[in-house]
Amino acid sequence: MQSVPDADPSPPSAPNGRGAKAELRAQVKARKAELRAQAQATKADIERGLDGARAHLDATNERIKARTGRNLILAILIGLALGTVTLFSLIVVKEIFMIFAIVLVLFASYEFASALRAGGRQVPRIPTVIAAMAVVPAAFYGGAAGQWVSILLGTLFVVLWRLVEQAVPSRRTPGPALLPDLGASVFVQIYVTFLASFAVVLVGQDGGEWWTLAFLIVVIAADTGAYASGLMFGKHPMAPVISPKKTWEGFAGGAVATIIAGVLLGLFMLGQPWWFGLIFGVAMLLSATLGDLAESLIKRDLGIKDMSSWLPGHGGFLDRLDSILPSAAVAFVLYLIFV
């Protein structure tokens, strides 16, 4: 007699399976909540860290701004942007530098004429800007001859414009004020346009783009070295009446930076002996410092802090070019001597 097989003693229990799934879902849900909480905590820590770093950076920038009168972050960003455009124009196509120079002299001459007008001198801005812009291509394509001819014609154009204005009753000023107005108009052409045109003439020479780049780097080194050294060690004012924040310690830091930059650039960029770098660095240091002090003296005479507010952290275009303008003329003279 065959025995009937016993039934499965432990058939799957539907209630127990549902319980296991529910427990698994609960564990997953709890894990997700734990991960979410950890992510939120990490995010909060990062935000607190960023807020702390931002507050520290803002406080540092405010201390630097209070001491130097310059917004450091904006100054660096704008300086990098201008430097990038200059570097690209000099290395890639020199004609781009000419266009860039036209833009710079346009703004610089306009803001200087505007500052003089605010100081009581009736400098005609339209002919001032036209004459300044015309000199750049003339100097680039015509060399030194084109530079001198265009400067003379441009200055004559500005003077004649001012004389015509004097003949118009609505523009007429008292007779004694005419001569100072004419002098100020001529000064804009000499100080901004003529000095800036030396950089354009230099770029137009054979290999002149490297000389222009070299003198710009050395001038920037002078400014940066003087700024950093003066900020950290400055105690003894260099010219307290003209520029109270300039110190001899800053000048010494600028001297070290320019000599090092001059020697390195002379050797590896200009192909000159090491002693030329010493001459180059010292010449750029002196011209840049005198240019800076000269513009400070002009602004003090006009009773203004900056030529304009078009370049945050720097002031105006002329505030950025003050040390470059006379250095361009000195660099061109050195090029004529050593090349």
Protein backbone atom coordinates (compact mmCIF):
# COMPACT_ATOMS: atom_id res chain seq x y z
CA MET A 1 0.00 0.00 0.00
CA GLN A 2 1.58 3.21 -1.08
CA SER A 3 1.82 6.07 1.37
CA VAL A 4 0.57 9.48 0.38
CA PRO A 5 3.44 12.06 0.47
CA ASP A 6 3.16 14.57 3.24
CA ALA A 7 2.29 18.14 2.30
CA ASP A 8 5.01 20.87 2.49
CA PRO A 9 5.30 21.59 6.18
CA SER A 10 6.32 25.30 5.65
CA PRO A 11 4.52 26.89 2.73
CA PRO A 12 5.43 30.57 1.99
CA SER A 13 3.54 32.89 4.22
CA ALA A 14 2.10 35.90 2.38
CA PRO A 15 1.87 38.03 5.53
CA ASN A 16 5.55 37.38 6.42
CA GLY A 17 6.71 38.38 2.87
CA ARG A 18 4.81 41.61 3.02
CA GLY A 19 6.36 42.37 6.39
CA ALA A 20 9.89 41.88 5.07
CA LYS A 21 9.23 44.21 2.14
CA ALA A 22 7.77 46.83 4.43
CA GLU A 23 10.81 46.58 6.69
CA LEU A 24 13.15 46.93 3.70
CA ARG A 25 11.27 50.00 2.46
CA ALA A 26 11.47 51.51 5.91
CA GLN A 27 15.22 50.91 6.03
CA VAL A 28 15.68 52.50 2.58
CA LYS A 29 13.55 55.45 3.57
CA ALA A 30 15.51 55.92 6.77
CA ARG A 31 18.77 55.70 4.86
CA LYS A 32 17.59 58.30 2.36
CA ALA A 33 16.57 60.60 5.19
CA GLU A 34 19.96 60.11 6.82
CA LEU A 35 21.80 60.89 3.57
CA ARG A 36 19.59 63.91 2.98
CA ALA A 37 20.32 65.19 6.47
CA GLN A 38 24.05 64.66 5.96
CA ALA A 39 23.93 66.48 2.60
CA GLN A 40 22.06 69.41 4.15
CA ALA A 41 24.53 69.55 7.01
CA THR A 42 27.48 69.47 4.58
CA LYS A 43 25.84 72.18 2.46
CA ALA A 44 25.30 74.31 5.55
CA ASP A 45 28.96 73.85 6.56
CA ILE A 46 30.15 74.83 3.06
CA GLU A 47 27.89 77.89 3.03
CA ARG A 48 29.15 78.93 6.46
CA GLY A 49 32.73 78.47 5.26
CA LEU A 50 32.09 80.50 2.11
CA ASP A 51 30.34 83.21 4.11
CA GLY A 52 33.27 83.33 6.51
CA ALA A 53 35.81 83.48 3.69
CA ARG A 54 33.77 86.16 1.90
CA ALA A 55 33.49 88.20 5.09
CA HIS A 56 37.23 87.86 5.71
CA LEU A 57 38.00 88.85 2.11
CA ASP A 58 35.62 91.82 2.29
CA ALA A 59 37.15 92.95 5.57
CA THR A 60 40.67 92.65 4.13
CA ASN A 61 39.63 94.52 1.01
CA GLU A 62 38.05 97.28 3.09
CA ARG A 63 41.24 97.65 5.14
CA ILE A 64 43.31 97.86 1.95
CA LYS A 65 40.81 100.29 0.42
CA ALA A 66 40.89 102.46 3.53
CA ARG A 67 44.68 102.58 3.41
CA THR A 68 45.24 102.91 -0.33
CA GLY A 69 41.91 104.22 -1.63
CA ARG A 70 41.67 101.35 -4.11
CA ASN A 71 39.18 98.48 -4.47
CA LEU A 72 41.73 95.69 -4.79
CA ILE A 73 39.50 93.02 -6.34
CA LEU A 74 38.08 95.25 -9.04
CA ALA A 75 41.51 96.74 -9.67
CA ILE A 76 42.98 93.27 -10.26
CA LEU A 77 40.15 92.16 -12.53
CA ILE A 78 40.26 95.31 -14.66
CA GLY A 79 44.05 95.20 -14.77
CA LEU A 80 43.97 91.59 -15.97
CA ALA A 81 41.43 92.46 -18.67
CA LEU A 82 43.50 95.40 -19.97
CA GLY A 83 46.66 93.33 -19.78
CA THR A 84 45.11 90.48 -21.75
CA VAL A 85 43.97 92.78 -24.55
CA THR A 86 47.39 94.46 -24.68
CA LEU A 87 49.26 91.15 -24.75
CA PHE A 88 47.02 89.74 -27.47
CA SER A 89 47.32 92.85 -29.62
CA LEU A 90 51.11 92.98 -29.39
CA ILE A 91 51.75 89.29 -30.03
CA VAL A 92 49.11 88.50 -32.65
CA VAL A 93 48.57 91.54 -34.91
CA LYS A 94 50.20 94.91 -34.23
CA GLU A 95 47.36 96.74 -35.95
CA ILE A 96 45.08 95.59 -33.12
CA PHE A 97 47.33 97.47 -30.70
CA MET A 98 46.84 100.60 -32.80
CA ILE A 99 43.06 100.25 -32.46
CA PHE A 100 43.43 99.62 -28.72
CA ALA A 101 45.62 102.72 -28.43
CA ILE A 102 43.00 104.80 -30.23
CA VAL A 103 40.41 103.74 -27.65
CA LEU A 104 42.74 104.53 -24.76
CA VAL A 105 43.72 108.01 -25.97
CA LEU A 106 40.08 108.75 -26.77
CA PHE A 107 38.97 108.12 -23.19
CA ALA A 108 42.10 109.56 -21.57
CA SER A 109 42.02 112.82 -23.53
CA TYR A 110 38.27 113.20 -23.02
CA GLU A 111 38.40 112.69 -19.26
CA PHE A 112 41.42 115.00 -18.88
CA ALA A 113 39.69 117.72 -20.90
CA SER A 114 36.55 117.20 -18.81
CA ALA A 115 38.53 117.46 -15.58
CA LEU A 116 40.13 120.71 -16.76
CA ARG A 117 36.72 122.08 -17.73
CA ALA A 118 35.43 121.22 -14.25
CA GLY A 119 38.42 123.16 -12.92
CA GLY A 120 37.42 126.28 -14.86
CA ARG A 121 39.44 125.87 -18.07
CA GLN A 122 37.37 125.85 -21.28
CA VAL A 123 39.12 123.01 -23.14
CA PRO A 124 37.09 122.01 -26.23
CA ARG A 125 36.50 118.27 -25.91
CA ILE A 126 35.39 117.41 -29.46
CA PRO A 127 38.54 118.65 -31.26
CA THR A 128 40.69 117.34 -28.41
CA VAL A 129 39.40 113.80 -28.93
CA ILE A 130 39.53 114.04 -32.75
CA ALA A 131 43.15 115.25 -32.69
CA ALA A 132 44.17 112.56 -30.20
CA MET A 133 42.63 109.75 -32.23
CA ALA A 134 44.16 111.01 -35.50
CA VAL A 135 47.70 110.98 -34.10
CA VAL A 136 47.68 107.22 -33.40
CA PRO A 137 47.44 105.90 -36.99
CA ALA A 138 49.71 108.70 -38.20
CA ALA A 139 52.37 107.66 -35.69
CA PHE A 140 51.90 103.95 -36.41
CA TYR A 141 52.21 104.18 -40.20
CA GLY A 142 54.28 107.36 -40.48
CA GLY A 143 56.75 106.76 -37.67
CA ALA A 144 58.35 109.68 -35.86
CA ALA A 145 57.71 112.04 -38.78
CA GLY A 146 54.01 111.21 -38.82
CA GLN A 147 53.92 111.56 -35.06
CA TRP A 148 55.36 115.09 -35.03
CA VAL A 149 53.36 116.36 -37.99
CA SER A 150 50.07 115.01 -36.63
CA ILE A 151 50.75 116.39 -33.16
CA LEU A 152 51.45 119.86 -34.52
CA LEU A 153 48.42 119.83 -36.81
CA GLY A 154 46.18 118.39 -34.09
CA THR A 155 47.30 121.01 -31.57
CA LEU A 156 46.73 123.77 -34.12
CA PHE A 157 43.27 122.34 -34.81
CA VAL A 158 42.34 122.47 -31.11
CA VAL A 159 43.68 126.01 -30.71
CA LEU A 160 41.79 127.29 -33.77
CA TRP A 161 38.59 125.62 -32.53
CA ARG A 162 38.93 127.39 -29.18
CA LEU A 163 39.52 130.74 -30.92
CA VAL A 164 36.41 130.23 -33.05
CA GLU A 165 34.45 129.48 -29.87
CA GLN A 166 35.68 132.75 -28.44
CA ALA A 167 34.12 134.56 -31.40
CA VAL A 168 30.70 133.06 -30.61
CA PRO A 169 28.92 135.23 -28.03
CA SER A 170 27.36 132.28 -26.19
CA ARG A 171 30.78 130.56 -25.83
CA ARG A 172 32.84 133.67 -25.16
CA THR A 173 34.83 133.89 -21.94
CA PRO A 174 36.57 136.92 -20.39
CA GLY A 175 39.69 137.94 -22.31
CA PRO A 176 42.20 137.14 -19.53
CA ALA A 177 40.87 133.55 -19.37
CA LEU A 178 41.52 132.83 -23.05
CA LEU A 179 45.27 132.32 -22.79
CA PRO A 180 45.03 129.82 -19.88
CA ASP A 181 42.32 127.99 -21.85
CA LEU A 182 44.61 127.71 -24.87
CA GLY A 183 47.49 126.60 -22.68
CA ALA A 184 45.38 123.89 -21.08
CA SER A 185 44.19 122.70 -24.50
CA VAL A 186 47.77 122.42 -25.75
CA PHE A 187 48.81 120.68 -22.53
CA VAL A 188 46.26 117.91 -23.07
CA GLN A 189 47.75 117.18 -26.48
CA ILE A 190 51.29 117.12 -25.12
CA TYR A 191 50.65 115.22 -21.89
CA VAL A 192 48.24 112.58 -23.19
CA THR A 193 48.46 112.36 -26.97
CA PHE A 194 52.13 113.11 -27.59
CA LEU A 195 53.46 110.86 -24.81
CA ALA A 196 51.08 108.03 -25.70
CA SER A 197 52.11 108.21 -29.35
CA PHE A 198 55.65 107.13 -28.45
CA ALA A 199 54.31 103.67 -27.63
CA VAL A 200 52.59 103.54 -31.01
CA VAL A 201 55.75 104.62 -32.85
CA LEU A 202 57.74 102.02 -30.91
CA VAL A 203 55.32 99.23 -31.83
CA GLY A 204 55.65 100.18 -35.48
CA GLN A 205 59.43 99.59 -35.41
CA ASP A 206 61.12 96.31 -36.29
CA GLY A 207 60.77 94.21 -33.14
CA GLY A 208 59.21 97.18 -31.40
CA GLU A 209 56.29 95.15 -30.11
CA TRP A 210 58.67 93.26 -27.78
CA TRP A 211 60.18 96.50 -26.51
CA THR A 212 56.70 97.85 -25.86
CA LEU A 213 55.69 94.68 -24.03
CA ALA A 214 58.93 94.77 -22.03
CA PHE A 215 58.56 98.37 -20.86
CA LEU A 216 54.90 97.78 -19.96
CA ILE A 217 55.84 94.74 -17.86
CA VAL A 218 58.59 96.69 -16.08
CA VAL A 219 56.25 99.61 -15.35
CA ILE A 220 53.63 97.19 -14.00
CA ALA A 221 56.36 95.56 -11.89
CA ALA A 222 57.27 98.98 -10.51
CA ASP A 223 53.65 99.74 -9.64
CA THR A 224 53.03 96.30 -8.13
CA GLY A 225 56.28 96.22 -6.16
CA ALA A 226 55.73 99.72 -4.80
CA TYR A 227 52.11 98.94 -3.92
CA ALA A 228 52.89 95.70 -2.06
CA SER A 229 55.98 97.04 -0.31
CA GLY A 230 54.30 100.27 0.66
CA LEU A 231 51.25 98.42 1.94
CA MET A 232 53.33 96.15 4.18
CA PHE A 233 56.24 98.36 5.25
CA GLY A 234 55.35 101.94 4.26
CA LYS A 235 56.09 104.43 7.03
CA HIS A 236 58.04 107.32 5.55
CA PRO A 237 56.12 109.52 3.07
CA MET A 238 57.92 110.18 -0.18
CA ALA A 239 56.02 113.28 -1.29
CA PRO A 240 53.48 114.07 1.44
CA VAL A 241 52.22 117.27 -0.18
CA ILE A 242 51.68 115.73 -3.63
CA SER A 243 50.83 112.09 -2.84
CA PRO A 244 50.57 111.34 0.91
CA LYS A 245 50.24 107.56 0.44
CA LYS A 246 53.50 107.15 -1.49
CA THR A 247 56.37 106.01 0.74
CA TRP A 248 60.09 105.48 0.37
CA GLU A 249 59.58 101.85 1.38
CA GLY A 250 57.21 101.46 -1.55
CA PHE A 251 59.74 103.11 -3.85
CA ALA A 252 62.40 100.65 -2.68
CA GLY A 253 60.09 97.70 -3.36
CA GLY A 254 59.36 99.08 -6.83
CA ALA A 255 63.12 99.47 -7.46
CA VAL A 256 63.80 95.82 -6.61
CA ALA A 257 60.94 94.65 -8.82
CA THR A 258 61.93 96.79 -11.80
CA ILE A 259 65.60 95.84 -11.70
CA ILE A 260 64.79 92.13 -11.57
CA ALA A 261 62.20 92.46 -14.34
CA GLY A 262 64.52 94.66 -16.43
CA VAL A 263 67.42 92.22 -16.29
CA LEU A 264 65.26 89.17 -17.08
CA LEU A 265 63.40 90.85 -19.93
CA GLY A 266 66.59 92.34 -21.33
CA LEU A 267 68.26 88.94 -21.44
CA PHE A 268 65.41 86.71 -22.60
CA MET A 269 63.06 89.01 -24.53
CA LEU A 270 65.17 91.84 -25.96
CA GLY A 271 68.46 89.97 -26.41
CA GLN A 272 70.45 92.60 -24.51
CA PRO A 273 73.28 92.16 -21.96
CA TRP A 274 72.47 92.00 -18.27
CA TRP A 275 73.76 95.52 -17.60
CA PHE A 276 71.22 96.89 -20.08
CA GLY A 277 68.51 95.43 -17.84
CA LEU A 278 69.82 97.53 -14.96
CA ILE A 279 69.64 100.70 -17.05
CA PHE A 280 66.24 99.72 -18.43
CA GLY A 281 64.80 98.94 -14.99
CA VAL A 282 66.09 102.11 -13.33
CA ALA A 283 64.94 104.28 -16.24
CA MET A 284 61.45 102.80 -16.12
CA LEU A 285 61.33 103.15 -12.34
CA LEU A 286 62.18 106.85 -12.47
CA SER A 287 59.88 107.66 -15.39
CA ALA A 288 56.97 105.71 -13.89
CA THR A 289 57.41 107.36 -10.48
CA LEU A 290 57.68 110.85 -11.97
CA GLY A 291 54.62 110.17 -14.14
CA ASP A 292 52.63 109.06 -11.13
CA LEU A 293 53.67 112.08 -9.09
CA ALA A 294 53.00 114.45 -12.00
CA GLU A 295 49.42 113.23 -12.35
CA SER A 296 48.94 113.43 -8.58
CA LEU A 297 50.10 117.04 -8.71
CA ILE A 298 47.66 117.81 -11.53
CA LYS A 299 44.76 116.22 -9.64
CA ARG A 300 45.68 118.05 -6.46
CA ASP A 301 45.74 121.34 -8.37
CA LEU A 302 42.30 120.53 -9.82
CA GLY A 303 40.97 119.40 -6.43
CA ILE A 304 39.96 115.90 -7.55
CA LYS A 305 40.84 112.39 -6.37
CA ASP A 306 40.54 110.61 -9.74
CA MET A 307 40.28 111.77 -13.34
CA SER A 308 37.01 109.83 -13.65
CA SER A 309 35.25 106.77 -12.27
CA TRP A 310 35.14 104.76 -15.51
CA LEU A 311 37.55 102.09 -14.22
CA PRO A 312 36.45 100.93 -10.75
CA GLY A 313 39.44 100.29 -8.53
CA HIS A 314 41.66 102.49 -10.71
CA GLY A 315 39.71 105.72 -11.20
CA GLY A 316 39.97 106.78 -14.82
CA PHE A 317 41.95 105.75 -17.87
CA LEU A 318 44.50 108.47 -17.24
CA ASP A 319 44.92 107.23 -13.67
CA ARG A 320 45.94 103.89 -15.16
CA LEU A 321 48.21 105.46 -17.79
CA ASP A 322 49.96 108.03 -15.60
CA SER A 323 53.16 106.01 -15.16
CA ILE A 324 53.03 104.50 -18.66
CA LEU A 325 52.93 107.74 -20.65
CA PRO A 326 56.40 109.12 -19.79
CA SER A 327 57.83 105.60 -19.72
CA ALA A 328 56.80 105.14 -23.36
CA ALA A 329 58.95 108.11 -24.37
CA VAL A 330 61.92 106.83 -22.35
CA ALA A 331 61.56 103.33 -23.79
CA PHE A 332 61.57 104.72 -27.33
CA VAL A 333 64.77 106.67 -26.64
CA LEU A 334 66.42 103.50 -25.26
CA TYR A 335 65.32 101.61 -28.37
CA LEU A 336 66.99 104.22 -30.59
CA ILE A 337 70.20 104.00 -28.55
CA PHE A 338 70.57 100.23 -28.18
CA VAL A 339 69.05 98.87 -31.42
